[in-house]
Amino acid sequence: GFAGFTGVGPIFFDDALGGSPNGVIGGAHVGYNYQIPGWSWFSSS
């Protein structure tokens, strides 16, 4: 980018921003399943 003009002329910048985001993650899940028995020729259950 362009940072502006100073007494010595224009100032441009060019930075490589790296970084390695990291951290702990945790939580919960809830769900419901419904099994339809014998409904498929592909599966016995």
PDB file of all heavy atoms in Angstrom:
ATOM      1  N   GLY A   1       0.801  -1.207   0.000  1.00  0.00           N
ATOM      2  CA  GLY A   1       0.000   0.000   0.000  1.00  0.00           C
ATOM      3  C   GLY A   1       0.839   1.264   0.000  1.00  0.00           C
ATOM      4  O   GLY A   1       2.065   1.241  -0.076  1.00  0.00           O
ATOM      5  N   PHE A   2       0.148   2.369   0.113  1.00  0.00           N
ATOM      6  CA  PHE A   2       0.740   3.694   0.098  1.00  0.00           C
ATOM      7  C   PHE A   2       0.461   4.321   1.450  1.00  0.00           C
ATOM      8  O   PHE A   2      -0.692   4.444   1.863  1.00  0.00           O
ATOM      9  CB  PHE A   2       0.115   4.522  -1.028  1.00  0.00           C
ATOM     10  CG  PHE A   2       0.570   5.948  -1.046  1.00  0.00           C
ATOM     11  CD1 PHE A   2       1.874   6.262  -1.348  1.00  0.00           C
ATOM     12  CD2 PHE A   2      -0.329   6.965  -0.763  1.00  0.00           C
ATOM     13  CE1 PHE A   2       2.290   7.574  -1.372  1.00  0.00           C
ATOM     14  CE2 PHE A   2       0.083   8.283  -0.796  1.00  0.00           C
ATOM     15  CZ  PHE A   2       1.395   8.588  -1.098  1.00  0.00           C
ATOM     16  N   ALA A   3       1.500   4.673   2.193  1.00  0.00           N
ATOM     17  CA  ALA A   3       1.338   5.206   3.543  1.00  0.00           C
ATOM     18  C   ALA A   3       1.271   6.733   3.558  1.00  0.00           C
ATOM     19  O   ALA A   3       1.004   7.320   4.585  1.00  0.00           O
ATOM     20  CB  ALA A   3       2.479   4.725   4.427  1.00  0.00           C
ATOM     21  N   GLY A   4       1.530   7.393   2.454  1.00  0.00           N
ATOM     22  CA  GLY A   4       1.420   8.853   2.427  1.00  0.00           C
ATOM     23  C   GLY A   4       2.733   9.520   2.046  1.00  0.00           C
ATOM     24  O   GLY A   4       3.729   8.875   1.756  1.00  0.00           O
ATOM     25  N   PHE A   5       2.712  10.853   2.058  1.00  0.00           N
ATOM     26  CA  PHE A   5       3.888  11.648   1.708  1.00  0.00           C
ATOM     27  C   PHE A   5       4.566  12.152   2.967  1.00  0.00           C
ATOM     28  O   PHE A   5       3.913  12.459   3.968  1.00  0.00           O
ATOM     29  CB  PHE A   5       3.495  12.839   0.835  1.00  0.00           C
ATOM     30  CG  PHE A   5       3.110  12.449  -0.555  1.00  0.00           C
ATOM     31  CD1 PHE A   5       1.789  12.252  -0.899  1.00  0.00           C
ATOM     32  CD2 PHE A   5       4.083  12.263  -1.522  1.00  0.00           C
ATOM     33  CE1 PHE A   5       1.428  11.891  -2.173  1.00  0.00           C
ATOM     34  CE2 PHE A   5       3.738  11.897  -2.814  1.00  0.00           C
ATOM     35  CZ  PHE A   5       2.408  11.716  -3.136  1.00  0.00           C
ATOM     36  N   THR A   6       5.864  12.201   2.937  1.00  0.00           N
ATOM     37  CA  THR A   6       6.641  12.796   4.028  1.00  0.00           C
ATOM     38  C   THR A   6       7.526  13.868   3.420  1.00  0.00           C
ATOM     39  O   THR A   6       7.488  14.120   2.218  1.00  0.00           O
ATOM     40  CB  THR A   6       7.509  11.730   4.732  1.00  0.00           C
ATOM     41  OG1 THR A   6       8.504  11.286   3.806  1.00  0.00           O
ATOM     42  CG2 THR A   6       6.681  10.569   5.226  1.00  0.00           C
ATOM     43  N   GLY A   7       8.349  14.460   4.238  1.00  0.00           N
ATOM     44  CA  GLY A   7       9.276  15.492   3.743  1.00  0.00           C
ATOM     45  C   GLY A   7      10.300  14.950   2.774  1.00  0.00           C
ATOM     46  O   GLY A   7      10.917  15.709   2.032  1.00  0.00           O
ATOM     47  N   VAL A   8      10.486  13.613   2.757  1.00  0.00           N
ATOM     48  CA  VAL A   8      11.468  13.023   1.844  1.00  0.00           C
ATOM     49  C   VAL A   8      10.805  12.333   0.661  1.00  0.00           C
ATOM     50  O   VAL A   8      11.476  11.679  -0.123  1.00  0.00           O
ATOM     51  CB  VAL A   8      12.386  12.023   2.597  1.00  0.00           C
ATOM     52  CG1 VAL A   8      13.240  12.732   3.604  1.00  0.00           C
ATOM     53  CG2 VAL A   8      11.579  10.916   3.233  1.00  0.00           C
ATOM     54  N   GLY A   9       9.488  12.452   0.532  1.00  0.00           N
ATOM     55  CA  GLY A   9       8.806  11.848  -0.600  1.00  0.00           C
ATOM     56  C   GLY A   9       7.764  10.829  -0.166  1.00  0.00           C
ATOM     57  O   GLY A   9       7.472  10.684   1.019  1.00  0.00           O
ATOM     58  N   PRO A  10       7.200  10.139  -1.149  1.00  0.00           N
ATOM     59  CA  PRO A  10       6.139   9.179  -0.815  1.00  0.00           C
ATOM     60  C   PRO A  10       6.702   7.947  -0.098  1.00  0.00           C
ATOM     61  O   PRO A  10       7.841   7.560  -0.300  1.00  0.00           O
ATOM     62  CB  PRO A  10       5.566   8.797  -2.179  1.00  0.00           C
ATOM     63  CG  PRO A  10       6.677   9.046  -3.131  1.00  0.00           C
ATOM     64  CD  PRO A  10       7.465  10.202  -2.575  1.00  0.00           C
ATOM     65  N   ILE A  11       5.873   7.358   0.751  1.00  0.00           N
ATOM     66  CA  ILE A  11       6.239   6.149   1.485  1.00  0.00           C
ATOM     67  C   ILE A  11       5.314   5.020   1.028  1.00  0.00           C
ATOM     68  O   ILE A  11       4.097   5.131   1.120  1.00  0.00           O
ATOM     69  CB  ILE A  11       6.059   6.335   3.002  1.00  0.00           C
ATOM     70  CG1 ILE A  11       6.888   7.487   3.497  1.00  0.00           C
ATOM     71  CG2 ILE A  11       6.323   5.036   3.742  1.00  0.00           C
ATOM     72  CD1 ILE A  11       8.185   7.124   4.118  1.00  0.00           C
ATOM     73  N   PHE A  12       5.917   3.977   0.523  1.00  0.00           N
ATOM     74  CA  PHE A  12       5.168   2.778   0.150  1.00  0.00           C
ATOM     75  C   PHE A  12       5.552   1.667   1.113  1.00  0.00           C
ATOM     76  O   PHE A  12       6.660   1.665   1.637  1.00  0.00           O
ATOM     77  CB  PHE A  12       5.493   2.359  -1.287  1.00  0.00           C
ATOM     78  CG  PHE A  12       5.021   3.333  -2.307  1.00  0.00           C
ATOM     79  CD1 PHE A  12       5.854   4.356  -2.752  1.00  0.00           C
ATOM     80  CD2 PHE A  12       3.745   3.253  -2.830  1.00  0.00           C
ATOM     81  CE1 PHE A  12       5.420   5.262  -3.697  1.00  0.00           C
ATOM     82  CE2 PHE A  12       3.304   4.159  -3.768  1.00  0.00           C
ATOM     83  CZ  PHE A  12       4.144   5.166  -4.206  1.00  0.00           C
ATOM     84  N   PHE A  13       4.652   0.752   1.337  1.00  0.00           N
ATOM     85  CA  PHE A  13       4.993  -0.380   2.196  1.00  0.00           C
ATOM     86  C   PHE A  13       4.635  -1.680   1.498  1.00  0.00           C
ATOM     87  O   PHE A  13       3.765  -1.736   0.654  1.00  0.00           O
ATOM     88  CB  PHE A  13       4.331  -0.278   3.580  1.00  0.00           C
ATOM     89  CG  PHE A  13       2.826  -0.302   3.557  1.00  0.00           C
ATOM     90  CD1 PHE A  13       2.127  -1.496   3.626  1.00  0.00           C
ATOM     91  CD2 PHE A  13       2.106   0.883   3.483  1.00  0.00           C
ATOM     92  CE1 PHE A  13       0.746  -1.516   3.616  1.00  0.00           C
ATOM     93  CE2 PHE A  13       0.726   0.872   3.475  1.00  0.00           C
ATOM     94  CZ  PHE A  13       0.044  -0.324   3.533  1.00  0.00           C
ATOM     95  N   ASP A  14       5.366  -2.710   1.857  1.00  0.00           N
ATOM     96  CA  ASP A  14       5.186  -4.043   1.289  1.00  0.00           C
ATOM     97  C   ASP A  14       5.597  -5.038   2.370  1.00  0.00           C
ATOM     98  O   ASP A  14       6.773  -5.239   2.615  1.00  0.00           O
ATOM     99  CB  ASP A  14       6.070  -4.194   0.056  1.00  0.00           C
ATOM    100  CG  ASP A  14       5.846  -5.517  -0.657  1.00  0.00           C
ATOM    101  OD1 ASP A  14       5.049  -6.329  -0.157  1.00  0.00           O
ATOM    102  OD2 ASP A  14       6.462  -5.730  -1.702  1.00  0.00           O
ATOM    103  N   ASP A  15       4.622  -5.611   3.057  1.00  0.00           N
ATOM    104  CA  ASP A  15       4.899  -6.519   4.167  1.00  0.00           C
ATOM    105  C   ASP A  15       4.335  -7.897   3.886  1.00  0.00           C
ATOM    106  O   ASP A  15       3.225  -8.034   3.392  1.00  0.00           O
ATOM    107  CB  ASP A  15       4.269  -5.999   5.468  1.00  0.00           C
ATOM    108  CG  ASP A  15       5.038  -4.846   6.058  1.00  0.00           C
ATOM    109  OD1 ASP A  15       6.275  -4.913   6.057  1.00  0.00           O
ATOM    110  OD2 ASP A  15       4.405  -3.887   6.525  1.00  0.00           O
ATOM    111  N   ALA A  16       5.108  -8.899   4.226  1.00  0.00           N
ATOM    112  CA  ALA A  16       4.622 -10.279   4.195  1.00  0.00           C
ATOM    113  C   ALA A  16       4.100 -10.591   5.586  1.00  0.00           C
ATOM    114  O   ALA A  16       4.836 -10.513   6.565  1.00  0.00           O
ATOM    115  CB  ALA A  16       5.750 -11.229   3.815  1.00  0.00           C
ATOM    116  N   LEU A  17       2.837 -10.884   5.670  1.00  0.00           N
ATOM    117  CA  LEU A  17       2.214 -11.211   6.960  1.00  0.00           C
ATOM    118  C   LEU A  17       2.030 -12.711   7.034  1.00  0.00           C
ATOM    119  O   LEU A  17       1.197 -13.277   6.357  1.00  0.00           O
ATOM    120  CB  LEU A  17       0.861 -10.508   7.094  1.00  0.00           C
ATOM    121  CG  LEU A  17       0.873  -8.993   6.953  1.00  0.00           C
ATOM    122  CD1 LEU A  17      -0.529  -8.452   7.052  1.00  0.00           C
ATOM    123  CD2 LEU A  17       1.765  -8.377   8.005  1.00  0.00           C
ATOM    124  N   GLY A  18       2.818 -13.334   7.833  1.00  0.00           N
ATOM    125  CA  GLY A  18       2.671 -14.774   8.023  1.00  0.00           C
ATOM    126  C   GLY A  18       1.906 -15.038   9.309  1.00  0.00           C
ATOM    127  O   GLY A  18       1.185 -14.208   9.808  1.00  0.00           O
ATOM    128  N   GLY A  19       2.128 -16.174   9.834  1.00  0.00           N
ATOM    129  CA  GLY A  19       1.489 -16.498  11.091  1.00  0.00           C
ATOM    130  C   GLY A  19       0.956 -17.905  11.059  1.00  0.00           C
ATOM    131  O   GLY A  19       0.690 -18.454  10.007  1.00  0.00           O
ATOM    132  N   SER A  20       0.845 -18.442  12.211  1.00  0.00           N
ATOM    133  CA  SER A  20       0.316 -19.793  12.340  1.00  0.00           C
ATOM    134  C   SER A  20      -0.769 -19.775  13.402  1.00  0.00           C
ATOM    135  O   SER A  20      -0.487 -19.934  14.585  1.00  0.00           O
ATOM    136  CB  SER A  20       1.429 -20.760  12.740  1.00  0.00           C
ATOM    137  OG  SER A  20       2.412 -20.811  11.732  1.00  0.00           O
ATOM    138  N   PRO A  21      -2.020 -19.564  12.987  1.00  0.00           N
ATOM    139  CA  PRO A  21      -3.078 -19.596  13.986  1.00  0.00           C
ATOM    140  C   PRO A  21      -3.157 -20.988  14.608  1.00  0.00           C
ATOM    141  O   PRO A  21      -3.007 -21.992  13.915  1.00  0.00           O
ATOM    142  CB  PRO A  21      -4.341 -19.261  13.196  1.00  0.00           C
ATOM    143  CG  PRO A  21      -4.004 -19.511  11.774  1.00  0.00           C
ATOM    144  CD  PRO A  21      -2.523 -19.355  11.644  1.00  0.00           C
ATOM    145  N   ASN A  22      -3.328 -21.018  15.915  1.00  0.00           N
ATOM    146  CA  ASN A  22      -3.431 -22.299  16.600  1.00  0.00           C
ATOM    147  C   ASN A  22      -4.159 -22.104  17.911  1.00  0.00           C
ATOM    148  O   ASN A  22      -4.266 -20.992  18.404  1.00  0.00           O
ATOM    149  CB  ASN A  22      -2.045 -22.909  16.822  1.00  0.00           C
ATOM    150  CG  ASN A  22      -1.153 -21.994  17.623  1.00  0.00           C
ATOM    151  OD1 ASN A  22      -1.340 -21.837  18.826  1.00  0.00           O
ATOM    152  ND2 ASN A  22      -0.183 -21.374  16.965  1.00  0.00           N
ATOM    153  N   GLY A  23      -4.666 -23.192  18.461  1.00  0.00           N
ATOM    154  CA  GLY A  23      -5.328 -23.126  19.744  1.00  0.00           C
ATOM    155  C   GLY A  23      -6.148 -24.368  20.027  1.00  0.00           C
ATOM    156  O   GLY A  23      -6.313 -25.247  19.187  1.00  0.00           O
ATOM    157  N   VAL A  24      -6.674 -24.410  21.232  1.00  0.00           N
ATOM    158  CA  VAL A  24      -7.514 -25.524  21.684  1.00  0.00           C
ATOM    159  C   VAL A  24      -8.924 -25.318  21.152  1.00  0.00           C
ATOM    160  O   VAL A  24      -9.400 -24.185  21.047  1.00  0.00           O
ATOM    161  CB  VAL A  24      -7.523 -25.587  23.224  1.00  0.00           C
ATOM    162  CG1 VAL A  24      -8.476 -26.654  23.729  1.00  0.00           C
ATOM    163  CG2 VAL A  24      -6.115 -25.836  23.745  1.00  0.00           C
ATOM    164  N   ILE A  25      -9.590 -26.408  20.810  1.00  0.00           N
ATOM    165  CA  ILE A  25     -10.961 -26.361  20.325  1.00  0.00           C
ATOM    166  C   ILE A  25     -11.748 -27.463  21.033  1.00  0.00           C
ATOM    167  O   ILE A  25     -11.230 -28.546  21.249  1.00  0.00           O
ATOM    168  CB  ILE A  25     -11.013 -26.519  18.784  1.00  0.00           C
ATOM    169  CG1 ILE A  25     -12.436 -26.383  18.265  1.00  0.00           C
ATOM    170  CG2 ILE A  25     -10.385 -27.810  18.339  1.00  0.00           C
ATOM    171  CD1 ILE A  25     -12.511 -26.276  16.760  1.00  0.00           C
ATOM    172  N   GLY A  26     -12.973 -27.138  21.420  1.00  0.00           N
ATOM    173  CA  GLY A  26     -13.782 -28.143  22.099  1.00  0.00           C
ATOM    174  C   GLY A  26     -15.238 -27.733  22.149  1.00  0.00           C
ATOM    175  O   GLY A  26     -15.567 -26.554  22.066  1.00  0.00           O
ATOM    176  N   GLY A  27     -16.111 -28.716  22.274  1.00  0.00           N
ATOM    177  CA  GLY A  27     -17.522 -28.398  22.321  1.00  0.00           C
ATOM    178  C   GLY A  27     -18.380 -29.634  22.509  1.00  0.00           C
ATOM    179  O   GLY A  27     -17.931 -30.650  23.038  1.00  0.00           O
ATOM    180  N   ALA A  28     -19.619 -29.518  22.058  1.00  0.00           N
ATOM    181  CA  ALA A  28     -20.594 -30.582  22.249  1.00  0.00           C
ATOM    182  C   ALA A  28     -21.407 -30.788  20.978  1.00  0.00           C
ATOM    183  O   ALA A  28     -21.475 -29.901  20.123  1.00  0.00           O
ATOM    184  CB  ALA A  28     -21.526 -30.235  23.399  1.00  0.00           C
ATOM    185  N   HIS A  29     -22.007 -31.962  20.868  1.00  0.00           N
ATOM    186  CA  HIS A  29     -22.897 -32.260  19.752  1.00  0.00           C
ATOM    187  C   HIS A  29     -24.098 -33.046  20.257  1.00  0.00           C
ATOM    188  O   HIS A  29     -24.023 -33.732  21.278  1.00  0.00           O
ATOM    189  CB  HIS A  29     -22.171 -33.000  18.619  1.00  0.00           C
ATOM    190  CG  HIS A  29     -21.541 -34.293  19.038  1.00  0.00           C
ATOM    191  ND1 HIS A  29     -20.253 -34.381  19.492  1.00  0.00           N
ATOM    192  CD2 HIS A  29     -22.036 -35.556  19.095  1.00  0.00           C
ATOM    193  CE1 HIS A  29     -19.967 -35.629  19.789  1.00  0.00           C
ATOM    194  NE2 HIS A  29     -21.046 -36.373  19.560  1.00  0.00           N
ATOM    195  N   VAL A  30     -25.186 -32.911  19.553  1.00  0.00           N
ATOM    196  CA  VAL A  30     -26.409 -33.642  19.867  1.00  0.00           C
ATOM    197  C   VAL A  30     -27.055 -34.038  18.546  1.00  0.00           C
ATOM    198  O   VAL A  30     -26.960 -33.300  17.554  1.00  0.00           O
ATOM    199  CB  VAL A  30     -27.369 -32.814  20.750  1.00  0.00           C
ATOM    200  CG1 VAL A  30     -27.840 -31.560  20.045  1.00  0.00           C
ATOM    201  CG2 VAL A  30     -28.558 -33.651  21.215  1.00  0.00           C
ATOM    202  N   GLY A  31     -27.674 -35.202  18.528  1.00  0.00           N
ATOM    203  CA  GLY A  31     -28.290 -35.652  17.286  1.00  0.00           C
ATOM    204  C   GLY A  31     -29.371 -36.682  17.532  1.00  0.00           C
ATOM    205  O   GLY A  31     -29.566 -37.172  18.652  1.00  0.00           O
ATOM    206  N   TYR A  32     -30.071 -37.006  16.459  1.00  0.00           N
ATOM    207  CA  TYR A  32     -31.102 -38.034  16.496  1.00  0.00           C
ATOM    208  C   TYR A  32     -31.028 -38.827  15.200  1.00  0.00           C
ATOM    209  O   TYR A  32     -30.957 -38.248  14.112  1.00  0.00           O
ATOM    210  CB  TYR A  32     -32.495 -37.429  16.646  1.00  0.00           C
ATOM    211  CG  TYR A  32     -33.567 -38.487  16.721  1.00  0.00           C
ATOM    212  CD1 TYR A  32     -33.822 -39.159  17.910  1.00  0.00           C
ATOM    213  CD2 TYR A  32     -34.297 -38.851  15.596  1.00  0.00           C
ATOM    214  CE1 TYR A  32     -34.786 -40.155  17.977  1.00  0.00           C
ATOM    215  CE2 TYR A  32     -35.265 -39.846  15.657  1.00  0.00           C
ATOM    216  CZ  TYR A  32     -35.500 -40.490  16.851  1.00  0.00           C
ATOM    217  OH  TYR A  32     -36.442 -41.479  16.916  1.00  0.00           O
ATOM    218  N   ASN A  33     -31.039 -40.150  15.323  1.00  0.00           N
ATOM    219  CA  ASN A  33     -31.078 -41.060  14.181  1.00  0.00           C
ATOM    220  C   ASN A  33     -32.368 -41.864  14.211  1.00  0.00           C
ATOM    221  O   ASN A  33     -32.880 -42.192  15.286  1.00  0.00           O
ATOM    222  CB  ASN A  33     -29.906 -42.048  14.221  1.00  0.00           C
ATOM    223  CG  ASN A  33     -28.602 -41.409  13.848  1.00  0.00           C
ATOM    224  OD1 ASN A  33     -28.539 -40.515  13.018  1.00  0.00           O
ATOM    225  ND2 ASN A  33     -27.534 -41.864  14.482  1.00  0.00           N
ATOM    226  N   TYR A  34     -32.855 -42.188  13.036  1.00  0.00           N
ATOM    227  CA  TYR A  34     -34.007 -43.077  12.911  1.00  0.00           C
ATOM    228  C   TYR A  34     -33.655 -44.174  11.925  1.00  0.00           C
ATOM    229  O   TYR A  34     -33.297 -43.892  10.780  1.00  0.00           O
ATOM    230  CB  TYR A  34     -35.244 -42.312  12.444  1.00  0.00           C
ATOM    231  CG  TYR A  34     -36.449 -43.210  12.312  1.00  0.00           C
ATOM    232  CD1 TYR A  34     -37.072 -43.718  13.442  1.00  0.00           C
ATOM    233  CD2 TYR A  34     -36.931 -43.572  11.063  1.00  0.00           C
ATOM    234  CE1 TYR A  34     -38.164 -44.563  13.328  1.00  0.00           C
ATOM    235  CE2 TYR A  34     -38.031 -44.416  10.943  1.00  0.00           C
ATOM    236  CZ  TYR A  34     -38.635 -44.903  12.075  1.00  0.00           C
ATOM    237  OH  TYR A  34     -39.711 -45.741  11.967  1.00  0.00           O
ATOM    238  N   GLN A  35     -33.730 -45.411  12.378  1.00  0.00           N
ATOM    239  CA  GLN A  35     -33.408 -46.560  11.527  1.00  0.00           C
ATOM    240  C   GLN A  35     -34.696 -47.133  10.958  1.00  0.00           C
ATOM    241  O   GLN A  35     -35.623 -47.444  11.694  1.00  0.00           O
ATOM    242  CB  GLN A  35     -32.676 -47.631  12.330  1.00  0.00           C
ATOM    243  CG  GLN A  35     -32.233 -48.803  11.484  1.00  0.00           C
ATOM    244  CD  GLN A  35     -31.316 -49.733  12.257  1.00  0.00           C
ATOM    245  OE1 GLN A  35     -30.799 -49.391  13.312  1.00  0.00           O
ATOM    246  NE2 GLN A  35     -31.127 -50.919  11.707  1.00  0.00           N
ATOM    247  N   ILE A  36     -34.744 -47.248   9.631  1.00  0.00           N
ATOM    248  CA  ILE A  36     -35.893 -47.840   8.937  1.00  0.00           C
ATOM    249  C   ILE A  36     -35.491 -49.267   8.592  1.00  0.00           C
ATOM    250  O   ILE A  36     -34.808 -49.502   7.600  1.00  0.00           O
ATOM    251  CB  ILE A  36     -36.251 -47.030   7.680  1.00  0.00           C
ATOM    252  CG1 ILE A  36     -36.454 -45.564   8.030  1.00  0.00           C
ATOM    253  CG2 ILE A  36     -37.487 -47.611   7.009  1.00  0.00           C
ATOM    254  CD1 ILE A  36     -36.538 -44.631   6.840  1.00  0.00           C
ATOM    255  N   PRO A  37     -35.880 -50.251   9.420  1.00  0.00           N
ATOM    256  CA  PRO A  37     -35.392 -51.624   9.205  1.00  0.00           C
ATOM    257  C   PRO A  37     -35.979 -52.254   7.955  1.00  0.00           C
ATOM    258  O   PRO A  37     -37.135 -52.046   7.617  1.00  0.00           O
ATOM    259  CB  PRO A  37     -35.844 -52.361  10.468  1.00  0.00           C
ATOM    260  CG  PRO A  37     -36.907 -51.527  11.078  1.00  0.00           C
ATOM    261  CD  PRO A  37     -36.737 -50.129  10.573  1.00  0.00           C
ATOM    262  N   GLY A  38     -35.149 -53.021   7.276  1.00  0.00           N
ATOM    263  CA  GLY A  38     -35.593 -53.784   6.118  1.00  0.00           C
ATOM    264  C   GLY A  38     -36.068 -52.950   4.947  1.00  0.00           C
ATOM    265  O   GLY A  38     -36.715 -53.461   4.036  1.00  0.00           O
ATOM    266  N   TRP A  39     -35.750 -51.669   4.933  1.00  0.00           N
ATOM    267  CA  TRP A  39     -36.253 -50.791   3.889  1.00  0.00           C
ATOM    268  C   TRP A  39     -35.353 -50.784   2.660  1.00  0.00           C
ATOM    269  O   TRP A  39     -35.709 -50.291   1.625  1.00  0.00           O
ATOM    270  CB  TRP A  39     -36.394 -49.373   4.450  1.00  0.00           C
ATOM    271  CG  TRP A  39     -37.150 -48.446   3.578  1.00  0.00           C
ATOM    272  CD1 TRP A  39     -38.425 -48.592   3.151  1.00  0.00           C
ATOM    273  CD2 TRP A  39     -36.695 -47.211   3.037  1.00  0.00           C
ATOM    274  NE1 TRP A  39     -38.800 -47.530   2.382  1.00  0.00           N
ATOM    275  CE2 TRP A  39     -37.739 -46.654   2.298  1.00  0.00           C
ATOM    276  CE3 TRP A  39     -35.496 -46.520   3.105  1.00  0.00           C
ATOM    277  CZ2 TRP A  39     -37.636 -45.459   1.632  1.00  0.00           C
ATOM    278  CZ3 TRP A  39     -35.390 -45.314   2.454  1.00  0.00           C
ATOM    279  CH2 TRP A  39     -36.459 -44.808   1.721  1.00  0.00           C
ATOM    280  N   SER A  40     -34.189 -51.383   2.769  1.00  0.00           N
ATOM    281  CA  SER A  40     -33.215 -51.332   1.687  1.00  0.00           C
ATOM    282  C   SER A  40     -32.823 -52.739   1.253  1.00  0.00           C
ATOM    283  O   SER A  40     -32.540 -53.595   2.081  1.00  0.00           O
ATOM    284  CB  SER A  40     -31.968 -50.581   2.164  1.00  0.00           C
ATOM    285  OG  SER A  40     -30.916 -50.768   1.249  1.00  0.00           O
ATOM    286  N   TRP A  41     -32.767 -52.979  -0.048  1.00  0.00           N
ATOM    287  CA  TRP A  41     -32.293 -54.255  -0.566  1.00  0.00           C
ATOM    288  C   TRP A  41     -30.781 -54.364  -0.407  1.00  0.00           C
ATOM    289  O   TRP A  41     -30.204 -55.425  -0.463  1.00  0.00           O
ATOM    290  CB  TRP A  41     -32.663 -54.417  -2.032  1.00  0.00           C
ATOM    291  CG  TRP A  41     -32.132 -53.308  -2.891  1.00  0.00           C
ATOM    292  CD1 TRP A  41     -32.774 -52.166  -3.214  1.00  0.00           C
ATOM    293  CD2 TRP A  41     -30.843 -53.225  -3.498  1.00  0.00           C
ATOM    294  NE1 TRP A  41     -31.968 -51.363  -3.980  1.00  0.00           N
ATOM    295  CE2 TRP A  41     -30.762 -51.997  -4.182  1.00  0.00           C
ATOM    296  CE3 TRP A  41     -29.733 -54.057  -3.538  1.00  0.00           C
ATOM    297  CZ2 TRP A  41     -29.647 -51.583  -4.874  1.00  0.00           C
ATOM    298  CZ3 TRP A  41     -28.606 -53.637  -4.245  1.00  0.00           C
ATOM    299  CH2 TRP A  41     -28.586 -52.420  -4.902  1.00  0.00           C
ATOM    300  N   PHE A  42     -30.118 -53.214  -0.161  1.00  0.00           N
ATOM    301  CA  PHE A  42     -28.660 -53.162  -0.084  1.00  0.00           C
ATOM    302  C   PHE A  42     -28.146 -53.488   1.314  1.00  0.00           C
ATOM    303  O   PHE A  42     -27.012 -53.863   1.482  1.00  0.00           O
ATOM    304  CB  PHE A  42     -28.203 -51.761  -0.508  1.00  0.00           C
ATOM    305  CG  PHE A  42     -26.728 -51.614  -0.656  1.00  0.00           C
ATOM    306  CD1 PHE A  42     -26.056 -52.230  -1.687  1.00  0.00           C
ATOM    307  CD2 PHE A  42     -26.001 -50.851   0.245  1.00  0.00           C
ATOM    308  CE1 PHE A  42     -24.695 -52.096  -1.828  1.00  0.00           C
ATOM    309  CE2 PHE A  42     -24.640 -50.709   0.116  1.00  0.00           C
ATOM    310  CZ  PHE A  42     -23.990 -51.328  -0.926  1.00  0.00           C
ATOM    311  N   SER A  43     -28.986 -53.317   2.327  1.00  0.00           N
ATOM    312  CA  SER A  43     -28.550 -53.488   3.702  1.00  0.00           C
ATOM    313  C   SER A  43     -29.524 -54.382   4.455  1.00  0.00           C
ATOM    314  O   SER A  43     -30.728 -54.194   4.375  1.00  0.00           O
ATOM    315  CB  SER A  43     -28.475 -52.120   4.380  1.00  0.00           C
ATOM    316  OG  SER A  43     -28.442 -52.233   5.767  1.00  0.00           O
ATOM    317  N   SER A  44     -29.003 -55.310   5.234  1.00  0.00           N
ATOM    318  CA  SER A  44     -29.867 -56.210   5.993  1.00  0.00           C
ATOM    319  C   SER A  44     -30.528 -55.517   7.180  1.00  0.00           C
ATOM    320  O   SER A  44     -31.586 -55.930   7.624  1.00  0.00           O
ATOM    321  CB  SER A  44     -29.053 -57.402   6.483  1.00  0.00           C
ATOM    322  OG  SER A  44     -28.001 -56.955   7.320  1.00  0.00           O
ATOM    323  N   SER A  45     -29.938 -54.467   7.715  1.00  0.00           N
ATOM    324  CA  SER A  45     -30.505 -53.783   8.877  1.00  0.00           C
ATOM    325  C   SER A  45     -31.265 -52.524   8.508  1.00  0.00           C
ATOM    326  O   SER A  45     -31.889 -51.914   9.362  1.00  0.00           O
ATOM    327  CB  SER A  45     -29.403 -53.424   9.872  1.00  0.00           C
ATOM    328  OG  SER A  45     -28.811 -54.588  10.386  1.00  0.00           O
TER     329      SER A  45
END
